[in-house]
Protein backbone atom coordinates (compact mmCIF):
# COMPACT_ATOMS: atom_id res chain seq x y z
CA MET A 1 -20.01 -47.54 -2.42
CA ILE A 2 -21.73 -44.14 -2.69
CA ARG A 3 -19.91 -42.99 0.42
CA LYS A 4 -16.54 -43.85 -1.20
CA ILE A 5 -17.51 -41.96 -4.36
CA ILE A 6 -18.50 -38.91 -2.34
CA LEU A 7 -15.27 -39.06 -0.32
CA TYR A 8 -13.25 -39.43 -3.52
CA PHE A 9 -15.08 -36.47 -5.07
CA CYS A 10 -14.43 -34.32 -1.96
CA ALA A 11 -10.74 -35.30 -2.01
CA VAL A 12 -10.49 -34.28 -5.67
CA LEU A 13 -12.18 -30.94 -4.95
CA LEU A 14 -9.85 -30.25 -2.02
CA SER A 15 -6.84 -31.13 -4.15
CA LEU A 16 -8.00 -28.73 -6.84
CA GLU A 17 -8.50 -26.00 -4.25
CA VAL A 18 -4.97 -26.54 -2.92
CA VAL A 19 -3.59 -26.30 -6.47
CA VAL A 20 -5.55 -23.09 -7.16
CA LEU A 21 -4.41 -21.53 -3.88
CA SER A 22 -0.82 -22.55 -4.56
CA ILE A 23 -0.93 -20.98 -8.03
CA ARG A 24 -2.48 -17.79 -6.61
CA ASN A 25 0.22 -17.63 -3.96
CA GLN A 26 2.94 -18.04 -6.60
CA GLN A 27 1.34 -15.30 -8.69
CA LEU A 28 1.28 -12.98 -5.67
CA MET A 29 4.91 -13.65 -4.83
CA MET A 30 6.10 -13.30 -8.42
CA ALA A 31 4.07 -10.13 -8.99
CA ILE A 32 5.40 -8.54 -5.82
CA LYS A 33 8.99 -8.95 -7.12
CA ASN A 34 8.67 -7.58 -10.68
CA ILE A 35 9.30 -3.81 -10.76
CA GLU A 36 12.91 -2.69 -10.33
CA ASN A 37 14.73 0.61 -10.14
CA SER A 38 11.76 2.70 -9.02
CA ILE A 39 13.37 4.54 -6.19
CA THR A 40 15.73 6.89 -7.98
CA ASP A 41 16.96 10.40 -7.56
CA GLU A 42 14.25 11.63 -9.92
CA ASN A 43 11.48 13.73 -8.49
CA ILE A 44 8.64 12.98 -10.90
CA SER A 45 6.20 15.38 -9.32
CA GLY A 46 8.20 18.54 -9.74
CA ASP A 47 7.98 20.69 -6.64
CA ALA A 48 5.37 18.58 -4.88
CA ASN A 49 6.61 17.82 -1.39
CA LEU A 50 4.52 15.69 0.92
CA TYR A 51 6.07 17.23 4.02
CA SER A 52 5.94 20.92 3.20
CA GLY A 53 2.48 21.75 4.48
CA LEU A 54 0.72 20.75 1.25
CA MET A 55 -1.27 18.17 3.13
CA GLU A 56 -3.07 18.20 6.45
CA ILE A 57 -3.82 14.82 8.01
CA SER A 58 -5.05 13.34 11.28
CA GLU A 59 -5.28 9.96 12.97
CA TRP A 60 -8.30 8.13 11.59
CA ASN A 61 -9.69 7.08 14.96
CA THR A 62 -8.88 10.04 17.23
CA GLY A 63 -8.86 13.01 14.89
CA LYS A 64 -5.50 14.10 16.35
CA LYS A 65 -3.68 16.27 13.80
CA ILE A 66 -0.37 14.87 12.58
CA ASN A 67 2.68 16.93 11.67
CA THR A 68 3.90 15.44 8.40
CA LEU A 69 7.41 16.74 9.08
CA ASP A 70 7.61 14.02 11.75
CA PHE A 71 7.32 11.41 9.00
CA GLN A 72 10.84 11.96 7.73
CA LYS A 73 12.87 10.39 10.54
CA ASN A 74 15.67 9.61 8.08
CA ARG A 75 13.55 7.14 6.15
CA ASN A 76 11.92 7.13 2.77
CA ALA A 77 8.18 6.56 2.80
CA VAL A 78 5.70 4.38 0.98
CA VAL A 79 2.24 5.97 1.04
CA PHE A 80 -0.90 4.06 0.13
CA TYR A 81 -3.77 6.33 -0.89
CA PHE A 82 -7.11 4.51 -0.94
CA SER A 83 -10.86 4.73 -0.71
CA THR A 84 -12.93 2.33 1.35
CA THR A 85 -15.48 2.08 -1.48
CA CYS A 86 -12.87 1.18 -4.12
CA SER A 87 -12.93 -2.54 -4.99
CA SER A 88 -9.34 -2.39 -6.26
CA CYS A 89 -8.30 -0.91 -2.91
CA GLU A 90 -9.62 -4.04 -1.22
CA GLU A 91 -7.28 -6.19 -3.31
CA ALA A 92 -4.44 -3.70 -2.93
CA ALA A 93 -4.61 -4.02 0.88
CA THR A 94 -3.27 -7.57 0.56
CA TYR A 95 -0.13 -6.31 -1.16
CA TRP A 96 0.22 -3.31 1.13
CA ASN A 97 0.11 -5.58 4.21
CA ILE A 98 2.87 -7.75 2.70
CA ILE A 99 4.99 -4.67 1.96
CA TYR A 100 4.43 -3.31 5.47
CA ALA A 101 5.38 -6.62 7.12
CA LYS A 102 8.53 -6.92 5.05
CA TYR A 103 9.76 -3.31 4.90
CA GLY A 104 8.13 -1.49 7.83
CA ASP A 105 11.49 -1.11 9.59
CA GLU A 106 13.23 0.35 6.54
CA PHE A 107 10.53 2.65 5.14
CA TYR A 108 7.84 4.70 6.83
CA ILE A 109 4.75 2.98 5.45
CA PHE A 110 1.25 4.35 5.96
CA GLY A 111 -2.17 4.66 4.35
CA LEU A 112 -4.15 7.81 3.55
CA SER A 113 -7.88 8.07 2.93
CA ARG A 114 -10.52 10.78 2.76
CA ASP A 115 -13.24 8.50 4.10
CA ASN A 116 -14.93 8.75 7.48
CA GLU A 117 -13.89 6.97 10.68
CA GLU A 118 -16.48 4.16 10.49
CA ALA A 119 -15.73 3.38 6.84
CA ILE A 120 -12.01 3.20 7.63
CA ARG A 121 -12.66 1.02 10.69
CA GLN A 122 -14.61 -1.44 8.52
CA TYR A 123 -11.89 -1.38 5.83
CA ILE A 124 -9.24 -2.17 8.46
CA ILE A 125 -11.28 -5.07 9.83
CA ARG A 126 -12.20 -6.47 6.39
CA ASN A 127 -8.64 -6.34 5.12
CA LYS A 128 -6.78 -7.02 8.38
CA VAL A 129 -4.77 -3.84 7.81
CA GLN A 130 -1.46 -3.82 9.69
CA PHE A 131 -0.06 -0.42 8.68
CA PRO A 132 -0.98 3.01 10.15
CA ILE A 133 -3.87 4.86 8.49
CA TYR A 134 -4.47 8.62 8.44
CA ILE A 135 -7.35 10.75 7.19
CA VAL A 136 -6.58 13.48 4.66
CA ASN A 137 -8.21 16.68 5.94
CA LYS A 138 -6.72 19.08 3.41
CA LEU A 139 -4.78 18.54 0.20
CA ASP A 140 -3.08 21.30 -1.75
CA LYS A 141 -3.99 21.62 -5.43
CA SER A 142 -0.43 20.63 -6.39
CA LEU A 143 -1.09 17.18 -4.86
CA GLU A 144 -4.71 16.83 -6.05
CA SER A 145 -3.77 15.45 -9.46
CA THR A 146 -1.16 13.12 -7.98
CA MET A 147 -3.70 11.66 -5.58
CA SER A 148 -6.81 11.84 -7.74
CA LYS A 149 -7.28 8.08 -8.27
CA THR A 150 -7.48 5.18 -5.88
CA PRO A 151 -5.59 3.10 -5.21
CA THR A 152 -2.40 5.11 -5.63
CA THR A 153 0.99 4.28 -4.13
CA LEU A 154 3.58 7.02 -3.64
CA ILE A 155 7.30 6.51 -3.06
CA VAL A 156 8.50 9.53 -1.07
CA GLY A 157 12.13 10.49 -0.42
CA ARG A 158 13.44 11.54 2.97
CA ASP A 159 13.17 15.14 1.86
CA GLY A 160 9.46 14.69 1.12
CA SER A 161 9.87 14.69 -2.65
CA ILE A 162 7.48 12.36 -4.43
CA ARG A 163 9.78 10.09 -6.40
CA ARG A 164 7.33 7.65 -7.95
CA VAL A 165 3.57 7.43 -8.31
CA TYR A 166 1.82 4.16 -9.09
CA GLU A 167 -1.88 4.30 -9.95
CA GLY A 168 -3.95 1.17 -9.54
CA ILE A 169 -3.03 -2.06 -7.80
CA ILE A 170 0.71 -2.29 -7.45
CA LYS A 171 1.64 -5.91 -7.14
CA GLU A 172 5.31 -5.40 -7.92
CA LEU A 173 6.43 -3.01 -5.19
CA ASP A 174 8.17 -5.67 -3.10
CA GLY A 175 10.85 -6.26 -5.74
CA THR A 176 11.29 -2.52 -6.14
CA LEU A 177 11.94 -2.00 -2.46
CA SER A 178 14.18 -5.03 -1.97
CA THR A 179 16.42 -4.23 -4.94
CA ASN A 180 16.64 -0.56 -4.07
CA THR A 181 16.92 -0.52 -0.29
CA ASN A 182 20.54 0.62 -0.37
CA LYS A 183 19.78 3.31 -2.94
CA ALA A 184 16.82 4.48 -0.82
CA ARG A 185 19.09 4.88 2.19
CA GLU A 186 21.42 7.29 0.37
């Protein structure tokens, strides 16, 4: 009799867990599709251009310097700026991985951090990061204010102009990219 009660109790707990996970999944999917019309012809950061030598970066694990002009390749970019000590950046990685999996062929998607190699390695392992990560070695003052908080997501045009800046966890970027893919290709 006690065994049946325990089994019943475990079944109820598992059912509740499934419901909670299902609700969380629905919230993630709905949140990822909310923002629209974010990739526009506006350049909200004035003359800031990610590809004009205002930033010096390198591969996180080799230290090899990267020429940001190579990022253009006729694609817009989605840049995730994060810190490995930022708790919100941990949660943001979930969304960034989804965005990368869904739009990696249409947009150049990568992460930027100022943290050291070991911290980034641990962040990648903890969050199962799928997108490329680079270390920021030098950042021009004109970009300092744009990238002063973590997490920050930048939408960058083919010409390097920063078109949108999202501070904090951006759960709605998926809808933005899917509804504006054609506009982004212009």
